[in-house]
mmCIF file of all heavy atoms, coordinates in Angstrom:
data_MODEL
# 
_entry.id   MODEL 
# 
loop_
_atom_site.group_PDB 
_atom_site.id 
_atom_site.type_symbol 
_atom_site.label_atom_id 
_atom_site.label_alt_id 
_atom_site.label_comp_id 
_atom_site.label_asym_id 
_atom_site.label_entity_id 
_atom_site.label_seq_id 
_atom_site.pdbx_PDB_ins_code 
_atom_site.Cartn_x 
_atom_site.Cartn_y 
_atom_site.Cartn_z 
_atom_site.occupancy 
_atom_site.B_iso_or_equiv 
_atom_site.pdbx_formal_charge 
_atom_site.auth_seq_id 
_atom_site.auth_comp_id 
_atom_site.auth_asym_id 
_atom_site.auth_atom_id 
_atom_site.pdbx_PDB_model_num 
ATOM 1   N N   . GLY A 1 1  ? -14.349 50.969 104.997 1.00 0.00 ? 1  GLY A N   1 
ATOM 2   C CA  . GLY A 1 1  ? -15.353 50.047 104.492 1.00 0.00 ? 1  GLY A CA  1 
ATOM 3   C C   . GLY A 1 1  ? -16.783 50.376 104.886 1.00 0.00 ? 1  GLY A C   1 
ATOM 4   O O   . GLY A 1 1  ? -17.051 51.313 105.650 1.00 0.00 ? 1  GLY A O   1 
ATOM 5   N N   . VAL A 1 2  ? -17.709 49.575 104.372 1.00 0.00 ? 2  VAL A N   1 
ATOM 6   C CA  . VAL A 1 2  ? -19.134 49.799 104.652 1.00 0.00 ? 2  VAL A CA  1 
ATOM 7   C C   . VAL A 1 2  ? -19.492 49.436 106.085 1.00 0.00 ? 2  VAL A C   1 
ATOM 8   O O   . VAL A 1 2  ? -20.564 49.806 106.568 1.00 0.00 ? 2  VAL A O   1 
ATOM 9   C CB  . VAL A 1 2  ? -20.050 49.028 103.674 1.00 0.00 ? 2  VAL A CB  1 
ATOM 10  C CG1 . VAL A 1 2  ? -19.891 49.537 102.261 1.00 0.00 ? 2  VAL A CG1 1 
ATOM 11  C CG2 . VAL A 1 2  ? -19.801 47.529 103.761 1.00 0.00 ? 2  VAL A CG2 1 
ATOM 12  N N   . SER A 1 3  ? -18.611 48.753 106.789 1.00 0.00 ? 3  SER A N   1 
ATOM 13  C CA  . SER A 1 3  ? -18.888 48.385 108.180 1.00 0.00 ? 3  SER A CA  1 
ATOM 14  C C   . SER A 1 3  ? -18.932 49.601 109.098 1.00 0.00 ? 3  SER A C   1 
ATOM 15  O O   . SER A 1 3  ? -19.277 49.470 110.267 1.00 0.00 ? 3  SER A O   1 
ATOM 16  C CB  . SER A 1 3  ? -17.865 47.367 108.681 1.00 0.00 ? 3  SER A CB  1 
ATOM 17  O OG  . SER A 1 3  ? -16.543 47.835 108.507 1.00 0.00 ? 3  SER A OG  1 
ATOM 18  N N   . VAL A 1 4  ? -18.603 50.782 108.578 1.00 0.00 ? 4  VAL A N   1 
ATOM 19  C CA  . VAL A 1 4  ? -18.832 52.015 109.328 1.00 0.00 ? 4  VAL A CA  1 
ATOM 20  C C   . VAL A 1 4  ? -20.323 52.151 109.643 1.00 0.00 ? 4  VAL A C   1 
ATOM 21  O O   . VAL A 1 4  ? -20.711 52.741 110.646 1.00 0.00 ? 4  VAL A O   1 
ATOM 22  C CB  . VAL A 1 4  ? -18.318 53.235 108.523 1.00 0.00 ? 4  VAL A CB  1 
ATOM 23  C CG1 . VAL A 1 4  ? -18.738 54.540 109.162 1.00 0.00 ? 4  VAL A CG1 1 
ATOM 24  C CG2 . VAL A 1 4  ? -16.795 53.175 108.414 1.00 0.00 ? 4  VAL A CG2 1 
ATOM 25  N N   . GLY A 1 5  ? -21.170 51.591 108.782 1.00 0.00 ? 5  GLY A N   1 
ATOM 26  C CA  . GLY A 1 5  ? -22.588 51.469 109.071 1.00 0.00 ? 5  GLY A CA  1 
ATOM 27  C C   . GLY A 1 5  ? -23.408 52.730 108.901 1.00 0.00 ? 5  GLY A C   1 
ATOM 28  O O   . GLY A 1 5  ? -23.448 53.311 107.809 1.00 0.00 ? 5  GLY A O   1 
ATOM 29  N N   . PRO A 1 6  ? -24.062 53.185 109.961 1.00 0.00 ? 6  PRO A N   1 
ATOM 30  C CA  . PRO A 1 6  ? -25.017 54.303 109.835 1.00 0.00 ? 6  PRO A CA  1 
ATOM 31  C C   . PRO A 1 6  ? -24.413 55.616 109.361 1.00 0.00 ? 6  PRO A C   1 
ATOM 32  O O   . PRO A 1 6  ? -25.156 56.513 108.957 1.00 0.00 ? 6  PRO A O   1 
ATOM 33  C CB  . PRO A 1 6  ? -25.570 54.436 111.267 1.00 0.00 ? 6  PRO A CB  1 
ATOM 34  C CG  . PRO A 1 6  ? -25.391 53.083 111.869 1.00 0.00 ? 6  PRO A CG  1 
ATOM 35  C CD  . PRO A 1 6  ? -24.109 52.570 111.288 1.00 0.00 ? 6  PRO A CD  1 
ATOM 36  N N   . ASP A 1 7  ? -23.103 55.767 109.432 1.00 0.00 ? 7  ASP A N   1 
ATOM 37  C CA  . ASP A 1 7  ? -22.483 57.016 108.964 1.00 0.00 ? 7  ASP A CA  1 
ATOM 38  C C   . ASP A 1 7  ? -22.703 57.242 107.477 1.00 0.00 ? 7  ASP A C   1 
ATOM 39  O O   . ASP A 1 7  ? -22.563 58.363 106.985 1.00 0.00 ? 7  ASP A O   1 
ATOM 40  C CB  . ASP A 1 7  ? -20.976 57.025 109.269 1.00 0.00 ? 7  ASP A CB  1 
ATOM 41  C CG  . ASP A 1 7  ? -20.702 57.206 110.754 1.00 0.00 ? 7  ASP A CG  1 
ATOM 42  O OD1 . ASP A 1 7  ? -21.669 57.365 111.521 1.00 0.00 ? 7  ASP A OD1 1 
ATOM 43  O OD2 . ASP A 1 7  ? -19.520 57.185 111.148 1.00 0.00 ? 7  ASP A OD2 1 
ATOM 44  N N   . GLY A 1 8  ? -22.988 56.185 106.724 1.00 0.00 ? 8  GLY A N   1 
ATOM 45  C CA  . GLY A 1 8  ? -23.385 56.332 105.332 1.00 0.00 ? 8  GLY A CA  1 
ATOM 46  C C   . GLY A 1 8  ? -22.260 56.377 104.324 1.00 0.00 ? 8  GLY A C   1 
ATOM 47  O O   . GLY A 1 8  ? -21.078 56.309 104.659 1.00 0.00 ? 8  GLY A O   1 
ATOM 48  N N   . GLY A 1 9  ? -22.666 56.520 103.057 1.00 0.00 ? 9  GLY A N   1 
ATOM 49  C CA  . GLY A 1 9  ? -21.731 56.405 101.944 1.00 0.00 ? 9  GLY A CA  1 
ATOM 50  C C   . GLY A 1 9  ? -20.623 57.430 101.937 1.00 0.00 ? 9  GLY A C   1 
ATOM 51  O O   . GLY A 1 9  ? -19.525 57.161 101.430 1.00 0.00 ? 9  GLY A O   1 
ATOM 52  N N   . THR A 1 10 ? -20.845 58.619 102.486 1.00 0.00 ? 10 THR A N   1 
ATOM 53  C CA  . THR A 1 10 ? -19.790 59.631 102.497 1.00 0.00 ? 10 THR A CA  1 
ATOM 54  C C   . THR A 1 10 ? -18.625 59.219 103.376 1.00 0.00 ? 10 THR A C   1 
ATOM 55  O O   . THR A 1 10 ? -17.489 59.640 103.147 1.00 0.00 ? 10 THR A O   1 
ATOM 56  C CB  . THR A 1 10 ? -20.325 60.983 102.997 1.00 0.00 ? 10 THR A CB  1 
ATOM 57  O OG1 . THR A 1 10 ? -20.877 60.818 104.309 1.00 0.00 ? 10 THR A OG1 1 
ATOM 58  C CG2 . THR A 1 10 ? -21.380 61.544 102.048 1.00 0.00 ? 10 THR A CG2 1 
ATOM 59  N N   . HIS A 1 11 ? -18.893 58.400 104.387 1.00 0.00 ? 11 HIS A N   1 
ATOM 60  C CA  . HIS A 1 11 ? -17.850 57.999 105.336 1.00 0.00 ? 11 HIS A CA  1 
ATOM 61  C C   . HIS A 1 11 ? -17.405 56.552 105.153 1.00 0.00 ? 11 HIS A C   1 
ATOM 62  O O   . HIS A 1 11 ? -16.481 56.111 105.839 1.00 0.00 ? 11 HIS A O   1 
ATOM 63  C CB  . HIS A 1 11 ? -18.344 58.201 106.768 1.00 0.00 ? 11 HIS A CB  1 
ATOM 64  C CG  . HIS A 1 11 ? -18.318 59.616 107.227 1.00 0.00 ? 11 HIS A CG  1 
ATOM 65  N ND1 . HIS A 1 11 ? -18.957 60.624 106.538 1.00 0.00 ? 11 HIS A ND1 1 
ATOM 66  C CD2 . HIS A 1 11 ? -17.722 60.200 108.298 1.00 0.00 ? 11 HIS A CD2 1 
ATOM 67  C CE1 . HIS A 1 11 ? -18.760 61.772 107.176 1.00 0.00 ? 11 HIS A CE1 1 
ATOM 68  N NE2 . HIS A 1 11 ? -18.019 61.543 108.236 1.00 0.00 ? 11 HIS A NE2 1 
ATOM 69  N N   . GLN A 1 12 ? -18.047 55.817 104.271 1.00 0.00 ? 12 GLN A N   1 
ATOM 70  C CA  . GLN A 1 12 ? -17.687 54.417 104.036 1.00 0.00 ? 12 GLN A CA  1 
ATOM 71  C C   . GLN A 1 12 ? -16.645 54.348 102.924 1.00 0.00 ? 12 GLN A C   1 
ATOM 72  O O   . GLN A 1 12 ? -16.971 54.257 101.745 1.00 0.00 ? 12 GLN A O   1 
ATOM 73  C CB  . GLN A 1 12 ? -18.946 53.615 103.682 1.00 0.00 ? 12 GLN A CB  1 
ATOM 74  C CG  . GLN A 1 12 ? -19.930 53.519 104.832 1.00 0.00 ? 12 GLN A CG  1 
ATOM 75  C CD  . GLN A 1 12 ? -21.279 52.967 104.422 1.00 0.00 ? 12 GLN A CD  1 
ATOM 76  O OE1 . GLN A 1 12 ? -21.531 52.718 103.248 1.00 0.00 ? 12 GLN A OE1 1 
ATOM 77  N NE2 . GLN A 1 12 ? -22.173 52.782 105.377 1.00 0.00 ? 12 GLN A NE2 1 
ATOM 78  N N   . MET A 1 13 ? -15.390 54.363 103.313 1.00 0.00 ? 13 MET A N   1 
ATOM 79  C CA  . MET A 1 13 ? -14.301 54.407 102.340 1.00 0.00 ? 13 MET A CA  1 
ATOM 80  C C   . MET A 1 13 ? -14.077 53.020 101.744 1.00 0.00 ? 13 MET A C   1 
ATOM 81  O O   . MET A 1 13 ? -13.648 52.093 102.434 1.00 0.00 ? 13 MET A O   1 
ATOM 82  C CB  . MET A 1 13 ? -13.022 54.900 103.011 1.00 0.00 ? 13 MET A CB  1 
ATOM 83  C CG  . MET A 1 13 ? -11.880 55.138 102.045 1.00 0.00 ? 13 MET A CG  1 
ATOM 84  S SD  . MET A 1 13 ? -12.338 56.329 100.764 1.00 0.00 ? 13 MET A SD  1 
ATOM 85  C CE  . MET A 1 13 ? -10.751 56.803 100.119 1.00 0.00 ? 13 MET A CE  1 
ATOM 86  N N   . VAL A 1 14 ? -14.378 52.877 100.460 1.00 0.00 ? 14 VAL A N   1 
ATOM 87  C CA  . VAL A 1 14 ? -14.228 51.585 99.785  1.00 0.00 ? 14 VAL A CA  1 
ATOM 88  C C   . VAL A 1 14 ? -13.251 51.678 98.615  1.00 0.00 ? 14 VAL A C   1 
ATOM 89  O O   . VAL A 1 14 ? -13.208 50.790 97.763  1.00 0.00 ? 14 VAL A O   1 
ATOM 90  C CB  . VAL A 1 14 ? -15.595 51.050 99.305  1.00 0.00 ? 14 VAL A CB  1 
ATOM 91  C CG1 . VAL A 1 14 ? -16.497 50.750 100.492 1.00 0.00 ? 14 VAL A CG1 1 
ATOM 92  C CG2 . VAL A 1 14 ? -16.277 52.018 98.351  1.00 0.00 ? 14 VAL A CG2 1 
ATOM 93  N N   . GLU A 1 15 ? -12.445 52.723 98.600  1.00 0.00 ? 15 GLU A N   1 
ATOM 94  C CA  . GLU A 1 15 ? -11.450 52.895 97.530  1.00 0.00 ? 15 GLU A CA  1 
ATOM 95  C C   . GLU A 1 15 ? -10.027 52.968 98.072  1.00 0.00 ? 15 GLU A C   1 
ATOM 96  O O   . GLU A 1 15 ? -9.070  53.123 97.313  1.00 0.00 ? 15 GLU A O   1 
ATOM 97  C CB  . GLU A 1 15 ? -11.729 54.181 96.736  1.00 0.00 ? 15 GLU A CB  1 
ATOM 98  C CG  . GLU A 1 15 ? -13.158 54.355 96.248  1.00 0.00 ? 15 GLU A CG  1 
ATOM 99  C CD  . GLU A 1 15 ? -14.006 55.115 97.246  1.00 0.00 ? 15 GLU A CD  1 
ATOM 100 O OE1 . GLU A 1 15 ? -13.582 56.198 97.716  1.00 0.00 ? 15 GLU A OE1 1 
ATOM 101 O OE2 . GLU A 1 15 ? -15.089 54.629 97.574  1.00 0.00 ? 15 GLU A OE2 1 
ATOM 102 N N   . ASP A 1 16 ? -9.858  52.885 99.382  1.00 0.00 ? 16 ASP A N   1 
ATOM 103 C CA  . ASP A 1 16 ? -8.564  53.171 100.003 1.00 0.00 ? 16 ASP A CA  1 
ATOM 104 C C   . ASP A 1 16 ? -7.474  52.167 99.661  1.00 0.00 ? 16 ASP A C   1 
ATOM 105 O O   . ASP A 1 16 ? -6.315  52.542 99.470  1.00 0.00 ? 16 ASP A O   1 
ATOM 106 C CB  . ASP A 1 16 ? -8.713  53.284 101.517 1.00 0.00 ? 16 ASP A CB  1 
ATOM 107 C CG  . ASP A 1 16 ? -9.423  52.080 102.129 1.00 0.00 ? 16 ASP A CG  1 
ATOM 108 O OD1 . ASP A 1 16 ? -10.489 51.688 101.622 1.00 0.00 ? 16 ASP A OD1 1 
ATOM 109 O OD2 . ASP A 1 16 ? -8.910  51.525 103.121 1.00 0.00 ? 16 ASP A OD2 1 
ATOM 110 N N   . ILE A 1 17 ? -7.826  50.883 99.583  1.00 0.00 ? 17 ILE A N   1 
ATOM 111 C CA  . ILE A 1 17 ? -6.797  49.893 99.238  1.00 0.00 ? 17 ILE A CA  1 
ATOM 112 C C   . ILE A 1 17 ? -6.245  50.178 97.852  1.00 0.00 ? 17 ILE A C   1 
ATOM 113 O O   . ILE A 1 17 ? -5.031  50.138 97.627  1.00 0.00 ? 17 ILE A O   1 
ATOM 114 C CB  . ILE A 1 17 ? -7.356  48.459 99.314  1.00 0.00 ? 17 ILE A CB  1 
ATOM 115 C CG1 . ILE A 1 17 ? -7.796  48.132 100.745 1.00 0.00 ? 17 ILE A CG1 1 
ATOM 116 C CG2 . ILE A 1 17 ? -6.316  47.447 98.848  1.00 0.00 ? 17 ILE A CG2 1 
ATOM 117 C CD1 . ILE A 1 17 ? -8.485  46.778 100.882 1.00 0.00 ? 17 ILE A CD1 1 
ATOM 118 N N   . ALA A 1 18 ? -7.138  50.498 96.915  1.00 0.00 ? 18 ALA A N   1 
ATOM 119 C CA  . ALA A 1 18 ? -6.701  50.828 95.554  1.00 0.00 ? 18 ALA A CA  1 
ATOM 120 C C   . ALA A 1 18 ? -5.800  52.055 95.548  1.00 0.00 ? 18 ALA A C   1 
ATOM 121 O O   . ALA A 1 18 ? -4.761  52.073 94.879  1.00 0.00 ? 18 ALA A O   1 
ATOM 122 C CB  . ALA A 1 18 ? -7.916  51.053 94.653  1.00 0.00 ? 18 ALA A CB  1 
ATOM 123 N N   . LEU A 1 19 ? -6.195  53.083 96.284  1.00 0.00 ? 19 LEU A N   1 
ATOM 124 C CA  . LEU A 1 19 ? -5.404  54.314 96.331  1.00 0.00 ? 19 LEU A CA  1 
ATOM 125 C C   . LEU A 1 19 ? -4.006  54.057 96.890  1.00 0.00 ? 19 LEU A C   1 
ATOM 126 O O   . LEU A 1 19 ? -3.006  54.561 96.369  1.00 0.00 ? 19 LEU A O   1 
ATOM 127 C CB  . LEU A 1 19 ? -6.113  55.363 97.188  1.00 0.00 ? 19 LEU A CB  1 
ATOM 128 C CG  . LEU A 1 19 ? -7.407  55.964 96.634  1.00 0.00 ? 19 LEU A CG  1 
ATOM 129 C CD1 . LEU A 1 19 ? -8.048  56.874 97.679  1.00 0.00 ? 19 LEU A CD1 1 
ATOM 130 C CD2 . LEU A 1 19 ? -7.134  56.739 95.348  1.00 0.00 ? 19 LEU A CD2 1 
ATOM 131 N N   . MET A 1 20 ? -3.934  53.287 97.953  1.00 0.00 ? 20 MET A N   1 
ATOM 132 C CA  . MET A 1 20 ? -2.642  53.032 98.588  1.00 0.00 ? 20 MET A CA  1 
ATOM 133 C C   . MET A 1 20 ? -1.811  52.027 97.794  1.00 0.00 ? 20 MET A C   1 
ATOM 134 O O   . MET A 1 20 ? -0.592  52.155 97.686  1.00 0.00 ? 20 MET A O   1 
ATOM 135 C CB  . MET A 1 20 ? -2.850  52.528 100.021 1.00 0.00 ? 20 MET A CB  1 
ATOM 136 C CG  . MET A 1 20 ? -3.503  53.532 100.948 1.00 0.00 ? 20 MET A CG  1 
ATOM 137 S SD  . MET A 1 20 ? -2.531  55.039 101.216 1.00 0.00 ? 20 MET A SD  1 
ATOM 138 C CE  . MET A 1 20 ? -3.397  56.187 100.127 1.00 0.00 ? 20 MET A CE  1 
ATOM 139 N N   . ARG A 1 21 ? -2.474  51.038 97.235  1.00 0.00 ? 21 ARG A N   1 
ATOM 140 C CA  . ARG A 1 21 ? -1.757  49.973 96.520  1.00 0.00 ? 21 ARG A CA  1 
ATOM 141 C C   . ARG A 1 21 ? -1.003  50.494 95.300  1.00 0.00 ? 21 ARG A C   1 
ATOM 142 O O   . ARG A 1 21 ? 0.071   49.995 94.952  1.00 0.00 ? 21 ARG A O   1 
ATOM 143 C CB  . ARG A 1 21 ? -2.768  48.895 96.116  1.00 0.00 ? 21 ARG A CB  1 
ATOM 144 C CG  . ARG A 1 21 ? -2.185  47.742 95.337  1.00 0.00 ? 21 ARG A CG  1 
ATOM 145 C CD  . ARG A 1 21 ? -3.228  46.664 95.085  1.00 0.00 ? 21 ARG A CD  1 
ATOM 146 N NE  . ARG A 1 21 ? -2.782  45.816 93.999  1.00 0.00 ? 21 ARG A NE  1 
ATOM 147 C CZ  . ARG A 1 21 ? -3.257  45.831 92.767  1.00 0.00 ? 21 ARG A CZ  1 
ATOM 148 N NH1 . ARG A 1 21 ? -4.260  46.639 92.453  1.00 0.00 ? 21 ARG A NH1 1 
ATOM 149 N NH2 . ARG A 1 21 ? -2.768  45.041 91.848  1.00 0.00 ? 21 ARG A NH2 1 
ATOM 150 N N   . VAL A 1 22 ? -1.535  51.512 94.652  1.00 0.00 ? 22 VAL A N   1 
ATOM 151 C CA  . VAL A 1 22 ? -0.932  51.999 93.415  1.00 0.00 ? 22 VAL A CA  1 
ATOM 152 C C   . VAL A 1 22 ? 0.292   52.872 93.674  1.00 0.00 ? 22 VAL A C   1 
ATOM 153 O O   . VAL A 1 22 ? 1.068   53.135 92.747  1.00 0.00 ? 22 VAL A O   1 
ATOM 154 C CB  . VAL A 1 22 ? -1.984  52.777 92.586  1.00 0.00 ? 22 VAL A CB  1 
ATOM 155 C CG1 . VAL A 1 22 ? -2.238  54.154 93.176  1.00 0.00 ? 22 VAL A CG1 1 
ATOM 156 C CG2 . VAL A 1 22 ? -1.583  52.864 91.119  1.00 0.00 ? 22 VAL A CG2 1 
ATOM 157 N N   . LEU A 1 23 ? 0.508   53.304 94.912  1.00 0.00 ? 23 LEU A N   1 
ATOM 158 C CA  . LEU A 1 23 ? 1.612   54.220 95.200  1.00 0.00 ? 23 LEU A CA  1 
ATOM 159 C C   . LEU A 1 23 ? 2.951   53.490 95.301  1.00 0.00 ? 23 LEU A C   1 
ATOM 160 O O   . LEU A 1 23 ? 3.083   52.522 96.060  1.00 0.00 ? 23 LEU A O   1 
ATOM 161 C CB  . LEU A 1 23 ? 1.350   54.956 96.516  1.00 0.00 ? 23 LEU A CB  1 
ATOM 162 C CG  . LEU A 1 23 ? 0.256   56.020 96.490  1.00 0.00 ? 23 LEU A CG  1 
ATOM 163 C CD1 . LEU A 1 23 ? -0.067  56.484 97.904  1.00 0.00 ? 23 LEU A CD1 1 
ATOM 164 C CD2 . LEU A 1 23 ? 0.675   57.193 95.613  1.00 0.00 ? 23 LEU A CD2 1 
ATOM 165 N N   . PRO A 1 24 ? 3.967   53.937 94.580  1.00 0.00 ? 24 PRO A N   1 
ATOM 166 C CA  . PRO A 1 24 ? 5.298   53.365 94.737  1.00 0.00 ? 24 PRO A CA  1 
ATOM 167 C C   . PRO A 1 24 ? 5.770   53.488 96.189  1.00 0.00 ? 24 PRO A C   1 
ATOM 168 O O   . PRO A 1 24 ? 5.492   54.487 96.862  1.00 0.00 ? 24 PRO A O   1 
ATOM 169 C CB  . PRO A 1 24 ? 6.161   54.214 93.794  1.00 0.00 ? 24 PRO A CB  1 
ATOM 170 C CG  . PRO A 1 24 ? 5.208   54.729 92.768  1.00 0.00 ? 24 PRO A CG  1 
ATOM 171 C CD  . PRO A 1 24 ? 3.926   54.964 93.508  1.00 0.00 ? 24 PRO A CD  1 
# 
């Protein structure tokens, strides 16, 4: 998530729930 803070957009993973949720 964005709570990673200063590390910025490259390290703020905001797609992971979607990626994991879709997997059987």
